[in-house]
Amino acid sequence: MRRHVTLKALGRGQGFVLRVLRGLAQVMFLDSAWAGAVFALALFTADWRYGAYALGGAALGTGAAHLLGAPRDRVRVGLEGFNSCLIALCCAVFLAARAGRPRCCSPPPPASWSPSSRRP
């Protein structure tokens, strides 16, 4: 017999944390807070900034959806937090590129390009 933790059994803060973690899990089309926690752990392992941006983005999106009156069932399963999580991760990647750190998704230069191929 499988028992699920309901949001009514938790306090307001813990319920919000579950919603945020479910928003992270929705990036991978899952609605489990455990999957969101594993995804957050993987992002923090890659770089603490990625984890912070993802959690912050999902929290902002979930909070904004709640404040703007989005349907509760959509907020509860994390459907209102995953887009903001993805946008925050994109910002983290491109802000890192501007700060001089290498981008994780930059394409390699074309094979025909080399510094010595230019002629004066």
Foldseek 3Di string as FASTA:
>chain_A
DDDDDDPVVDDPVVQLLLLLLLLQQCLVPAQGSVSSVVSLVVLVVVPVQLSVLLSVQLSVQLVVCVVVPPDPVCSSSNVRRNVSSVVSNVCSQVVCVVVVHDHPDDDDDDPPDDPVPDDD
